[in-house]
PDB file of N, CA and C in Angstrom:
ATOM      1  N   UNK A   1       0.850  -1.175   0.000  1.00  0.00           N
ATOM      2  CA  UNK A   1       0.000   0.000   0.000  1.00  0.00           C
ATOM      3  C   UNK A   1       0.898   1.241   0.000  1.00  0.00           C
ATOM      4  N   UNK A   2       0.529   2.260  -0.727  1.00  0.00           N
ATOM      5  CA  UNK A   2       1.279   3.503  -0.735  1.00  0.00           C
ATOM      6  C   UNK A   2       0.300   4.660  -0.673  1.00  0.00           C
ATOM      7  N   UNK A   3       0.784   5.841  -0.323  1.00  0.00           N
ATOM      8  CA  UNK A   3      -0.136   6.966  -0.178  1.00  0.00           C
ATOM      9  C   UNK A   3      -0.787   7.336  -1.508  1.00  0.00           C
ATOM     10  N   UNK A   4      -2.034   7.840  -1.439  1.00  0.00           N
ATOM     11  CA  UNK A   4      -2.725   8.273  -2.650  1.00  0.00           C
ATOM     12  C   UNK A   4      -1.952   9.404  -3.306  1.00  0.00           C
ATOM     13  N   UNK A   5      -1.381  10.272  -2.508  1.00  0.00           N
ATOM     14  CA  UNK A   5      -0.479  11.286  -3.020  1.00  0.00           C
ATOM     15  C   UNK A   5       0.910  10.678  -2.977  1.00  0.00           C
ATOM     16  N   UNK A   6       1.288  10.034  -4.072  1.00  0.00           N
ATOM     17  CA  UNK A   6       2.615   9.434  -4.144  1.00  0.00           C
ATOM     18  C   UNK A   6       3.647  10.535  -4.319  1.00  0.00           C
ATOM     19  N   UNK A   7       4.896  10.162  -4.252  1.00  0.00           N
ATOM     20  CA  UNK A   7       5.962  11.133  -4.479  1.00  0.00           C
ATOM     21  C   UNK A   7       5.739  11.810  -5.832  1.00  0.00           C
ATOM     22  N   UNK A   8       5.389  11.041  -6.838  1.00  0.00           N
ATOM     23  CA  UNK A   8       5.179  11.598  -8.177  1.00  0.00           C
ATOM     24  C   UNK A   8       3.998  12.573  -8.196  1.00  0.00           C
ATOM     25  N   UNK A   9       2.913  12.244  -7.494  1.00  0.00           N
ATOM     26  CA  UNK A   9       1.748  13.129  -7.451  1.00  0.00           C
ATOM     27  C   UNK A   9       2.074  14.437  -6.748  1.00  0.00           C
ATOM     28  N   UNK A  10       2.777  14.347  -5.631  1.00  0.00           N
ATOM     29  CA  UNK A  10       3.146  15.549  -4.883  1.00  0.00           C
ATOM     30  C   UNK A  10       4.049  16.429  -5.735  1.00  0.00           C
ATOM     31  N   UNK A  11       5.037  15.821  -6.404  1.00  0.00           N
ATOM     32  CA  UNK A  11       5.948  16.593  -7.244  1.00  0.00           C
ATOM     33  C   UNK A  11       5.206  17.329  -8.351  1.00  0.00           C
ATOM     34  N   UNK A  12       4.101  16.771  -8.827  1.00  0.00           N
ATOM     35  CA  UNK A  12       3.330  17.444  -9.855  1.00  0.00           C
ATOM     36  C   UNK A  12       2.609  18.674  -9.335  1.00  0.00           C
ATOM     37  N   UNK A  13       2.317  18.697  -8.045  1.00  0.00           N
ATOM     38  CA  UNK A  13       1.575  19.796  -7.431  1.00  0.00           C
ATOM     39  C   UNK A  13       2.497  20.734  -6.650  1.00  0.00           C
ATOM     40  N   UNK A  14       3.410  20.169  -5.897  1.00  0.00           N
ATOM     41  CA  UNK A  14       4.331  20.923  -5.044  1.00  0.00           C
ATOM     42  C   UNK A  14       5.727  20.339  -5.170  1.00  0.00           C
ATOM     43  N   UNK A  15       6.691  21.009  -4.597  1.00  0.00           N
ATOM     44  CA  UNK A  15       8.048  20.479  -4.523  1.00  0.00           C
ATOM     45  C   UNK A  15       8.155  19.718  -3.212  1.00  0.00           C
ATOM     46  N   UNK A  16       8.371  18.436  -3.290  1.00  0.00           N
ATOM     47  CA  UNK A  16       8.466  17.600  -2.096  1.00  0.00           C
ATOM     48  C   UNK A  16       9.880  17.682  -1.547  1.00  0.00           C
ATOM     49  N   UNK A  17      10.016  18.179  -0.325  1.00  0.00           N
ATOM     50  CA  UNK A  17      11.325  18.348   0.288  1.00  0.00           C
ATOM     51  C   UNK A  17      11.776  17.107   1.046  1.00  0.00           C
ATOM     52  N   UNK A  18      10.833  16.453   1.724  1.00  0.00           N
ATOM     53  CA  UNK A  18      11.183  15.322   2.565  1.00  0.00           C
ATOM     54  C   UNK A  18       9.935  14.475   2.774  1.00  0.00           C
ATOM     55  N   UNK A  19      10.066  13.169   2.687  1.00  0.00           N
ATOM     56  CA  UNK A  19       8.931  12.282   2.932  1.00  0.00           C
ATOM     57  C   UNK A  19       9.454  10.916   3.352  1.00  0.00           C
ATOM     58  N   UNK A  20       8.708  10.290   4.245  1.00  0.00           N
ATOM     59  CA  UNK A  20       9.107   8.965   4.688  1.00  0.00           C
ATOM     60  C   UNK A  20       7.979   8.220   5.370  1.00  0.00           C
ATOM     61  N   UNK A  21       8.204   6.942   5.540  1.00  0.00           N
ATOM     62  CA  UNK A  21       7.293   6.060   6.265  1.00  0.00           C
ATOM     63  C   UNK A  21       7.554   6.275   7.751  1.00  0.00           C
ATOM     64  N   UNK A  22       6.505   6.579   8.504  1.00  0.00           N
ATOM     65  CA  UNK A  22       6.648   6.855   9.939  1.00  0.00           C
ATOM     66  C   UNK A  22       5.864   5.825  10.750  1.00  0.00           C
ATOM     67  N   UNK A  23       5.947   5.925  12.039  1.00  0.00           N
ATOM     68  CA  UNK A  23       5.188   5.040  12.908  1.00  0.00           C
ATOM     69  C   UNK A  23       5.839   3.679  13.070  1.00  0.00           C
ATOM     70  N   UNK A  24       5.031   2.705  13.424  1.00  0.00           N
ATOM     71  CA  UNK A  24       5.545   1.382  13.779  1.00  0.00           C
ATOM     72  C   UNK A  24       6.289   0.710  12.633  1.00  0.00           C
ATOM     73  N   UNK A  25       5.855   0.906  11.416  1.00  0.00           N
ATOM     74  CA  UNK A  25       6.522   0.261  10.269  1.00  0.00           C
ATOM     75  C   UNK A  25       7.914   0.834  10.031  1.00  0.00           C
ATOM     76  N   UNK A  26       8.135   2.075  10.371  1.00  0.00           N
ATOM     77  CA  UNK A  26       9.448   2.695  10.173  1.00  0.00           C
ATOM     78  C   UNK A  26      10.498   2.092  11.099  1.00  0.00           C
ATOM     79  N   UNK A  27      10.063   1.550  12.215  1.00  0.00           N
ATOM     80  CA  UNK A  27      11.011   1.078  13.221  1.00  0.00           C
ATOM     81  C   UNK A  27      10.949  -0.425  13.450  1.00  0.00           C
ATOM     82  N   UNK A  28      10.240  -1.136  12.567  1.00  0.00           N
ATOM     83  CA  UNK A  28      10.160  -2.580  12.696  1.00  0.00           C
ATOM     84  C   UNK A  28       9.314  -3.051  13.862  1.00  0.00           C
ATOM     85  N   UNK A  29       8.364  -2.240  14.306  1.00  0.00           N
ATOM     86  CA  UNK A  29       7.512  -2.574  15.446  1.00  0.00           C
ATOM     87  C   UNK A  29       6.083  -2.901  15.028  1.00  0.00           C
ATOM     88  N   UNK A  30       5.848  -3.019  13.743  1.00  0.00           N
ATOM     89  CA  UNK A  30       4.494  -3.229  13.237  1.00  0.00           C
ATOM     90  C   UNK A  30       3.982  -4.628  13.560  1.00  0.00           C
ATOM     91  N   UNK A  31       2.683  -4.693  13.728  1.00  0.00           N
ATOM     92  CA  UNK A  31       1.999  -5.981  13.889  1.00  0.00           C
ATOM     93  C   UNK A  31       1.176  -6.220  12.621  1.00  0.00           C
ATOM     94  N   UNK A  32       0.510  -7.350  12.557  1.00  0.00           N
ATOM     95  CA  UNK A  32      -0.315  -7.657  11.384  1.00  0.00           C
ATOM     96  C   UNK A  32      -1.423  -6.623  11.186  1.00  0.00           C
ATOM     97  N   UNK A  33      -1.862  -5.981  12.254  1.00  0.00           N
ATOM     98  CA  UNK A  33      -2.940  -4.988  12.169  1.00  0.00           C
ATOM     99  C   UNK A  33      -2.431  -3.574  11.860  1.00  0.00           C
ATOM    100  N   UNK A  34      -1.132  -3.378  11.856  1.00  0.00           N
ATOM    101  CA  UNK A  34      -0.573  -2.038  11.646  1.00  0.00           C
ATOM    102  C   UNK A  34      -0.781  -1.567  10.215  1.00  0.00           C
ATOM    103  N   UNK A  35      -1.108  -0.290  10.085  1.00  0.00           N
ATOM    104  CA  UNK A  35      -1.237   0.292   8.755  1.00  0.00           C
ATOM    105  C   UNK A  35       0.049   1.031   8.407  1.00  0.00           C
ATOM    106  N   UNK A  36       0.088   1.588   7.202  1.00  0.00           N
ATOM    107  CA  UNK A  36       1.234   2.391   6.789  1.00  0.00           C
ATOM    108  C   UNK A  36       0.881   3.863   6.966  1.00  0.00           C
ATOM    109  N   UNK A  37       1.816   4.610   7.518  1.00  0.00           N
ATOM    110  CA  UNK A  37       1.640   6.044   7.730  1.00  0.00           C
ATOM    111  C   UNK A  37       2.829   6.765   7.106  1.00  0.00           C
ATOM    112  N   UNK A  38       2.533   7.745   6.274  1.00  0.00           N
ATOM    113  CA  UNK A  38       3.577   8.534   5.629  1.00  0.00           C
ATOM    114  C   UNK A  38       3.485   9.979   6.116  1.00  0.00           C
ATOM    115  N   UNK A  39       4.643  10.626   6.203  1.00  0.00           N
ATOM    116  CA  UNK A  39       4.694  12.032   6.578  1.00  0.00           C
ATOM    117  C   UNK A  39       5.676  12.720   5.641  1.00  0.00           C
ATOM    118  N   UNK A  40       5.409  13.975   5.347  1.00  0.00           N
ATOM    119  CA  UNK A  40       6.311  14.694   4.471  1.00  0.00           C
ATOM    120  C   UNK A  40       6.196  16.193   4.607  1.00  0.00           C
ATOM    121  N   UNK A  41       7.122  16.864   3.950  1.00  0.00           N
ATOM    122  CA  UNK A  41       7.178  18.325   3.910  1.00  0.00           C
ATOM    123  C   UNK A  41       7.231  18.729   2.447  1.00  0.00           C
ATOM    124  N   UNK A  42       6.383  19.688   2.064  1.00  0.00           N
ATOM    125  CA  UNK A  42       6.413  20.170   0.688  1.00  0.00           C
ATOM    126  C   UNK A  42       6.618  21.675   0.663  1.00  0.00           C
ATOM    127  N   UNK A  43       7.141  22.136  -0.459  1.00  0.00           N
ATOM    128  CA  UNK A  43       7.369  23.558  -0.661  1.00  0.00           C
ATOM    129  C   UNK A  43       6.393  24.068  -1.717  1.00  0.00           C
ATOM    130  N   UNK A  44       5.893  25.259  -1.507  1.00  0.00           N
ATOM    131  CA  UNK A  44       4.995  25.900  -2.462  1.00  0.00           C
ATOM    132  C   UNK A  44       5.789  26.958  -3.205  1.00  0.00           C
ATOM    133  N   UNK A  45       5.545  27.082  -4.497  1.00  0.00           N
ATOM    134  CA  UNK A  45       6.227  28.107  -5.284  1.00  0.00           C
ATOM    135  C   UNK A  45       5.929  29.480  -4.688  1.00  0.00           C
ATOM    136  N   UNK A  46       6.927  30.349  -4.684  1.00  0.00           N
ATOM    137  CA  UNK A  46       6.812  31.665  -4.054  1.00  0.00           C
ATOM    138  C   UNK A  46       5.598  32.465  -4.527  1.00  0.00           C
ATOM    139  N   UNK A  47       5.314  32.556  -5.825  1.00  0.00           N
ATOM    140  CA  UNK A  47       4.122  33.327  -6.233  1.00  0.00           C
ATOM    141  C   UNK A  47       2.827  32.791  -5.626  1.00  0.00           C
ATOM    142  N   UNK A  48       2.707  31.463  -5.523  1.00  0.00           N
ATOM    143  CA  UNK A  48       1.508  30.884  -4.911  1.00  0.00           C
ATOM    144  C   UNK A  48       1.497  31.145  -3.405  1.00  0.00           C
ATOM    145  N   UNK A  49       2.659  31.064  -2.786  1.00  0.00           N
ATOM    146  CA  UNK A  49       2.752  31.273  -1.344  1.00  0.00           C
ATOM    147  C   UNK A  49       2.407  32.713  -0.962  1.00  0.00           C
ATOM    148  N   UNK A  50       2.818  33.659  -1.800  1.00  0.00           N
ATOM    149  CA  UNK A  50       2.592  35.074  -1.505  1.00  0.00           C
ATOM    150  C   UNK A  50       1.348  35.645  -2.182  1.00  0.00           C
ATOM    151  N   UNK A  51       0.598  34.799  -2.886  1.00  0.00           N
ATOM    152  CA  UNK A  51      -0.594  35.252  -3.599  1.00  0.00           C
ATOM    153  C   UNK A  51      -1.755  35.561  -2.670  1.00  0.00           C
ATOM    154  N   UNK A  52      -2.847  35.967  -3.264  1.00  0.00           N
ATOM    155  CA  UNK A  52      -4.026  36.343  -2.494  1.00  0.00           C
ATOM    156  C   UNK A  52      -4.787  35.137  -1.946  1.00  0.00           C
ATOM    157  N   UNK A  53      -4.695  34.000  -2.614  1.00  0.00           N
ATOM    158  CA  UNK A  53      -5.361  32.787  -2.144  1.00  0.00           C
ATOM    159  C   UNK A  53      -4.429  32.029  -1.219  1.00  0.00           C
ATOM    160  N   UNK A  54      -4.896  31.791  -0.006  1.00  0.00           N
ATOM    161  CA  UNK A  54      -4.072  31.060   0.956  1.00  0.00           C
ATOM    162  C   UNK A  54      -3.939  29.603   0.500  1.00  0.00           C
ATOM    163  N   UNK A  55      -2.718  29.117   0.311  1.00  0.00           N
ATOM    164  CA  UNK A  55      -2.543  27.728  -0.118  1.00  0.00           C
ATOM    165  C   UNK A  55      -2.796  26.753   1.030  1.00  0.00           C
ATOM    166  N   UNK A  56      -3.058  25.505   0.674  1.00  0.00           N
ATOM    167  CA  UNK A  56      -3.185  24.464   1.698  1.00  0.00           C
ATOM    168  C   UNK A  56      -1.857  24.316   2.415  1.00  0.00           C
ATOM    169  N   UNK A  57      -1.905  24.308   3.735  1.00  0.00           N
ATOM    170  CA  UNK A  57      -0.693  24.090   4.517  1.00  0.00           C
ATOM    171  C   UNK A  57      -0.547  22.631   4.914  1.00  0.00           C
ATOM    172  N   UNK A  58      -1.630  21.882   4.846  1.00  0.00           N
ATOM    173  CA  UNK A  58      -1.617  20.481   5.236  1.00  0.00           C
ATOM    174  C   UNK A  58      -2.437  19.671   4.253  1.00  0.00           C
ATOM    175  N   UNK A  59      -1.892  18.548   3.823  1.00  0.00           N
ATOM    176  CA  UNK A  59      -2.604  17.607   2.962  1.00  0.00           C
ATOM    177  C   UNK A  59      -2.612  16.283   3.713  1.00  0.00           C
ATOM    178  N   UNK A  60      -3.810  15.760   4.003  1.00  0.00           N
ATOM    179  CA  UNK A  60      -3.896  14.542   4.808  1.00  0.00           C
ATOM    180  C   UNK A  60      -4.862  13.530   4.220  1.00  0.00           C
ATOM    181  N   UNK A  61      -4.692  12.314   4.650  1.00  0.00           N
ATOM    182  CA  UNK A  61      -5.631  11.235   4.367  1.00  0.00           C
ATOM    183  C   UNK A  61      -5.573  10.262   5.534  1.00  0.00           C
ATOM    184  N   UNK A  62      -6.723   9.767   5.931  1.00  0.00           N
ATOM    185  CA  UNK A  62      -6.757   8.665   6.895  1.00  0.00           C
ATOM    186  C   UNK A  62      -7.523   7.528   6.261  1.00  0.00           C
ATOM    187  N   UNK A  63      -7.318   6.340   6.783  1.00  0.00           N
ATOM    188  CA  UNK A  63      -8.025   5.173   6.256  1.00  0.00           C
ATOM    189  C   UNK A  63      -9.538   5.331   6.394  1.00  0.00           C
ATOM    190  N   UNK A  64      -9.966   6.229   7.278  1.00  0.00           N
ATOM    191  CA  UNK A  64     -11.402   6.490   7.417  1.00  0.00           C
ATOM    192  C   UNK A  64     -11.917   7.331   6.255  1.00  0.00           C
ATOM    193  N   UNK A  65     -11.066   8.247   5.740  1.00  0.00           N
ATOM    194  CA  UNK A  65     -11.448   9.078   4.601  1.00  0.00           C
ATOM    195  C   UNK A  65     -11.487   8.265   3.316  1.00  0.00           C
ATOM    196  N   UNK A  66     -10.463   7.464   3.112  1.00  0.00           N
ATOM    197  CA  UNK A  66     -10.312   6.675   1.883  1.00  0.00           C
ATOM    198  C   UNK A  66      -9.810   5.286   2.256  1.00  0.00           C
ATOM    199  N   UNK A  67     -10.717   4.353   2.529  1.00  0.00           N
ATOM    200  CA  UNK A  67     -10.289   2.993   2.879  1.00  0.00           C
ATOM    201  C   UNK A  67      -9.405   2.391   1.787  1.00  0.00           C
ATOM    202  N   UNK A  68      -8.380   1.677   2.216  1.00  0.00           N
ATOM    203  CA  UNK A  68      -7.469   1.036   1.273  1.00  0.00           C
ATOM    204  C   UNK A  68      -6.309   1.906   0.841  1.00  0.00           C
ATOM    205  N   UNK A  69      -6.303   3.161   1.262  1.00  0.00           N
ATOM    206  CA  UNK A  69      -5.210   4.077   0.942  1.00  0.00           C
ATOM    207  C   UNK A  69      -4.446   4.350   2.234  1.00  0.00           C
ATOM    208  N   UNK A  70      -3.140   4.322   2.150  1.00  0.00           N
ATOM    209  CA  UNK A  70      -2.317   4.550   3.344  1.00  0.00           C
ATOM    210  C   UNK A  70      -2.606   5.928   3.951  1.00  0.00           C
ATOM    211  N   UNK A  71      -2.422   6.039   5.268  1.00  0.00           N
ATOM    212  CA  UNK A  71      -2.557   7.331   5.937  1.00  0.00           C
ATOM    213  C   UNK A  71      -1.348   8.194   5.580  1.00  0.00           C
ATOM    214  N   UNK A  72      -1.577   9.474   5.382  1.00  0.00           N
ATOM    215  CA  UNK A  72      -0.461  10.376   5.124  1.00  0.00           C
ATOM    216  C   UNK A  72      -0.779  11.771   5.619  1.00  0.00           C
ATOM    217  N   UNK A  73       0.269  12.490   5.953  1.00  0.00           N
ATOM    218  CA  UNK A  73       0.186  13.898   6.310  1.00  0.00           C
ATOM    219  C   UNK A  73       1.400  14.595   5.711  1.00  0.00           C
ATOM    220  N   UNK A  74       1.146  15.563   4.855  1.00  0.00           N
ATOM    221  CA  UNK A  74       2.207  16.376   4.271  1.00  0.00           C
ATOM    222  C   UNK A  74       1.983  17.810   4.748  1.00  0.00           C
ATOM    223  N   UNK A  75       3.028  18.441   5.263  1.00  0.00           N
ATOM    224  CA  UNK A  75       2.951  19.817   5.760  1.00  0.00           C
ATOM    225  C   UNK A  75       3.733  20.745   4.837  1.00  0.00           C
ATOM    226  N   UNK A  76       3.196  21.940   4.627  1.00  0.00           N
ATOM    227  CA  UNK A  76       3.938  22.980   3.908  1.00  0.00           C
ATOM    228  C   UNK A  76       5.147  23.349   4.766  1.00  0.00           C
ATOM    229  N   UNK A  77       6.247  23.684   4.133  1.00  0.00           N
ATOM    230  CA  UNK A  77       7.520  23.920   4.822  1.00  0.00           C
ATOM    231  C   UNK A  77       7.404  24.917   5.972  1.00  0.00           C
ATOM    232  N   UNK A  78       6.739  26.043   5.756  1.00  0.00           N
ATOM    233  CA  UNK A  78       6.605  27.046   6.816  1.00  0.00           C
ATOM    234  C   UNK A  78       5.849  26.500   8.013  1.00  0.00           C
ATOM    235  N   UNK A  79       4.762  25.788   7.763  1.00  0.00           N
ATOM    236  CA  UNK A  79       3.993  25.205   8.861  1.00  0.00           C
ATOM    237  C   UNK A  79       4.817  24.143   9.576  1.00  0.00           C
ATOM    238  N   UNK A  80       5.525  23.310   8.797  1.00  0.00           N
ATOM    239  CA  UNK A  80       6.371  22.298   9.412  1.00  0.00           C
ATOM    240  C   UNK A  80       7.374  22.951  10.368  1.00  0.00           C
ATOM    241  N   UNK A  81       8.018  24.022   9.927  1.00  0.00           N
ATOM    242  CA  UNK A  81       9.013  24.707  10.766  1.00  0.00           C
ATOM    243  C   UNK A  81       8.377  25.288  12.023  1.00  0.00           C
ATOM    244  N   UNK A  82       7.187  25.880  11.900  1.00  0.00           N
ATOM    245  CA  UNK A  82       6.500  26.409  13.086  1.00  0.00           C
ATOM    246  C   UNK A  82       6.222  25.292  14.087  1.00  0.00           C
ATOM    247  N   UNK A  83       5.718  24.157  13.596  1.00  0.00           N
ATOM    248  CA  UNK A  83       5.422  23.033  14.484  1.00  0.00           C
ATOM    249  C   UNK A  83       6.697  22.455  15.097  1.00  0.00           C
ATOM    250  N   UNK A  84       7.737  22.315  14.296  1.00  0.00           N
ATOM    251  CA  UNK A  84       9.000  21.756  14.797  1.00  0.00           C
ATOM    252  C   UNK A  84       9.630  22.669  15.843  1.00  0.00           C
ATOM    253  N   UNK A  85       9.623  23.963  15.587  1.00  0.00           N
ATOM    254  CA  UNK A  85      10.198  24.905  16.552  1.00  0.00           C
ATOM    255  C   UNK A  85       9.402  24.935  17.852  1.00  0.00           C
ATOM    256  N   UNK A  86       8.126  24.560  17.771  1.00  0.00           N
ATOM    257  CA  UNK A  86       7.291  24.461  18.966  1.00  0.00           C
ATOM    258  C   UNK A  86       7.459  23.130  19.693  1.00  0.00           C
ATOM    259  N   UNK A  87       8.296  22.247  19.141  1.00  0.00           N
ATOM    260  CA  UNK A  87       8.573  20.972  19.807  1.00  0.00           C
ATOM    261  C   UNK A  87       7.513  19.910  19.571  1.00  0.00           C
ATOM    262  N   UNK A  88       6.736  20.010  18.501  1.00  0.00           N
ATOM    263  CA  UNK A  88       5.699  19.031  18.208  1.00  0.00           C
ATOM    264  C   UNK A  88       6.347  17.659  17.976  1.00  0.00           C
ATOM    265  N   UNK A  89       6.101  16.692  18.860  1.00  0.00           N
ATOM    266  CA  UNK A  89       6.793  15.399  18.744  1.00  0.00           C
ATOM    267  C   UNK A  89       6.401  14.607  17.495  1.00  0.00           C
ATOM    268  N   UNK A  90       5.185  14.755  17.031  1.00  0.00           N
ATOM    269  CA  UNK A  90       4.765  14.050  15.827  1.00  0.00           C
ATOM    270  C   UNK A  90       5.553  14.541  14.623  1.00  0.00           C
ATOM    271  N   UNK A  91       5.714  15.840  14.517  1.00  0.00           N
ATOM    272  CA  UNK A  91       6.452  16.432  13.404  1.00  0.00           C
ATOM    273  C   UNK A  91       7.927  16.084  13.487  1.00  0.00           C
ATOM    274  N   UNK A  92       8.485  16.126  14.677  1.00  0.00           N
ATOM    275  CA  UNK A  92       9.911  15.885  14.849  1.00  0.00           C
ATOM    276  C   UNK A  92      10.326  14.470  14.457  1.00  0.00           C
ATOM    277  N   UNK A  93       9.394  13.523  14.523  1.00  0.00           N
ATOM    278  CA  UNK A  93       9.711  12.150  14.130  1.00  0.00           C
ATOM    279  C   UNK A  93      10.281  12.093  12.718  1.00  0.00           C
ATOM    280  N   UNK A  94       9.781  12.936  11.831  1.00  0.00           N
ATOM    281  CA  UNK A  94      10.206  12.926  10.437  1.00  0.00           C
ATOM    282  C   UNK A  94      11.698  13.211  10.290  1.00  0.00           C
ATOM    283  N   UNK A  95      12.269  13.952  11.210  1.00  0.00           N
ATOM    284  CA  UNK A  95      13.670  14.360  11.079  1.00  0.00           C
ATOM    285  C   UNK A  95      14.667  13.264  11.427  1.00  0.00           C
ATOM    286  N   UNK A  96      14.215  12.171  12.033  1.00  0.00           N
ATOM    287  CA  UNK A  96      15.139  11.127  12.452  1.00  0.00           C
ATOM    288  C   UNK A  96      14.756   9.747  11.926  1.00  0.00           C
ATOM    289  N   UNK A  97      14.191   9.688  10.754  1.00  0.00           N
ATOM    290  CA  UNK A  97      13.838   8.388  10.185  1.00  0.00           C
ATOM    291  C   UNK A  97      15.087   7.670   9.670  1.00  0.00           C
ATOM    292  N   UNK A  98      15.071   6.350   9.680  1.00  0.00           N
ATOM    293  CA  UNK A  98      16.227   5.613   9.168  1.00  0.00           C
ATOM    294  C   UNK A  98      16.412   5.759   7.657  1.00  0.00           C
ATOM    295  N   UNK A  99      15.313   6.019   6.906  1.00  0.00           N
ATOM    296  CA  UNK A  99      15.423   6.263   5.467  1.00  0.00           C
ATOM    297  C   UNK A  99      14.230   7.079   5.005  1.00  0.00           C
ATOM    298  N   UNK A 100      14.374   7.702   3.819  1.00  0.00           N
ATOM    299  CA  UNK A 100      13.339   8.553   3.257  1.00  0.00           C
ATOM    300  C   UNK A 100      12.951   8.063   1.870  1.00  0.00           C
ATOM    301  N   UNK A 101      11.696   8.293   1.485  1.00  0.00           N
ATOM    302  CA  UNK A 101      11.262   7.941   0.139  1.00  0.00           C
ATOM    303  C   UNK A 101      11.471   9.119  -0.816  1.00  0.00           C
ATOM    304  N   UNK A 102      11.676  10.321  -0.269  1.00  0.00           N
ATOM    305  CA  UNK A 102      11.979  11.508  -1.066  1.00  0.00           C
ATOM    306  C   UNK A 102      12.762  12.474  -0.195  1.00  0.00           C
ATOM    307  N   UNK A 103      13.768  13.126  -0.793  1.00  0.00           N
ATOM    308  CA  UNK A 103      14.567  14.092  -0.050  1.00  0.00           C
ATOM    309  C   UNK A 103      15.297  14.983  -1.066  1.00  0.00           C
ATOM    310  N   UNK A 104      15.064  16.303  -0.970  1.00  0.00           N
ATOM    311  CA  UNK A 104      15.823  17.233  -1.808  1.00  0.00           C
ATOM    312  C   UNK A 104      16.771  18.028  -0.901  1.00  0.00           C
ATOM    313  N   UNK A 105      17.403  19.069  -1.429  1.00  0.00           N
ATOM    314  CA  UNK A 105      18.363  19.852  -0.640  1.00  0.00           C
ATOM    315  C   UNK A 105      17.715  20.493   0.579  1.00  0.00           C
ATOM    316  N   UNK A 106      16.485  20.977   0.445  1.00  0.00           N
ATOM    317  CA  UNK A 106      15.780  21.566   1.588  1.00  0.00           C
ATOM    318  C   UNK A 106      15.536  20.522   2.650  1.00  0.00           C
ATOM    319  N   UNK A 107      15.113  19.330   2.244  1.00  0.00           N
ATOM    320  CA  UNK A 107      14.902  18.231   3.192  1.00  0.00           C
ATOM    321  C   UNK A 107      16.173  17.836   3.904  1.00  0.00           C
ATOM    322  N   UNK A 108      17.290  17.837   3.180  1.00  0.00           N
ATOM    323  CA  UNK A 108      18.580  17.531   3.804  1.00  0.00           C
ATOM    324  C   UNK A 108      18.943  18.588   4.839  1.00  0.00           C
ATOM    325  N   UNK A 109      18.651  19.847   4.531  1.00  0.00           N
ATOM    326  CA  UNK A 109      18.923  20.941   5.477  1.00  0.00           C
ATOM    327  C   UNK A 109      18.100  20.794   6.744  1.00  0.00           C
ATOM    328  N   UNK A 110      16.842  20.361   6.597  1.00  0.00           N
ATOM    329  CA  UNK A 110      16.004  20.150   7.785  1.00  0.00           C
ATOM    330  C   UNK A 110      16.648  19.129   8.697  1.00  0.00           C
TER     331      UNK A 110
END
């Protein structure tokens, strides 16, 4: 199972800075009932970010919204930084994953 917004889908809409499998599957603690959870950070082009229409800062899916599709949460870079600087433990997990499914220079800097 993979997220409905795959790396390729996100890249078509936004610049994906960092993304990875999080939760129990990331650390080898999953059970047969465990689902897949993905987390990521995306960048919005400057004109869209500074435009009159506020862009989405969070893109999410849960198995309750779309059964059969992995859970995912992607945060816009600015929102991710605000949450990380506030010590949000859920967000901080993304920074110490053993591997990533997507990572650009911004993601490496994070």
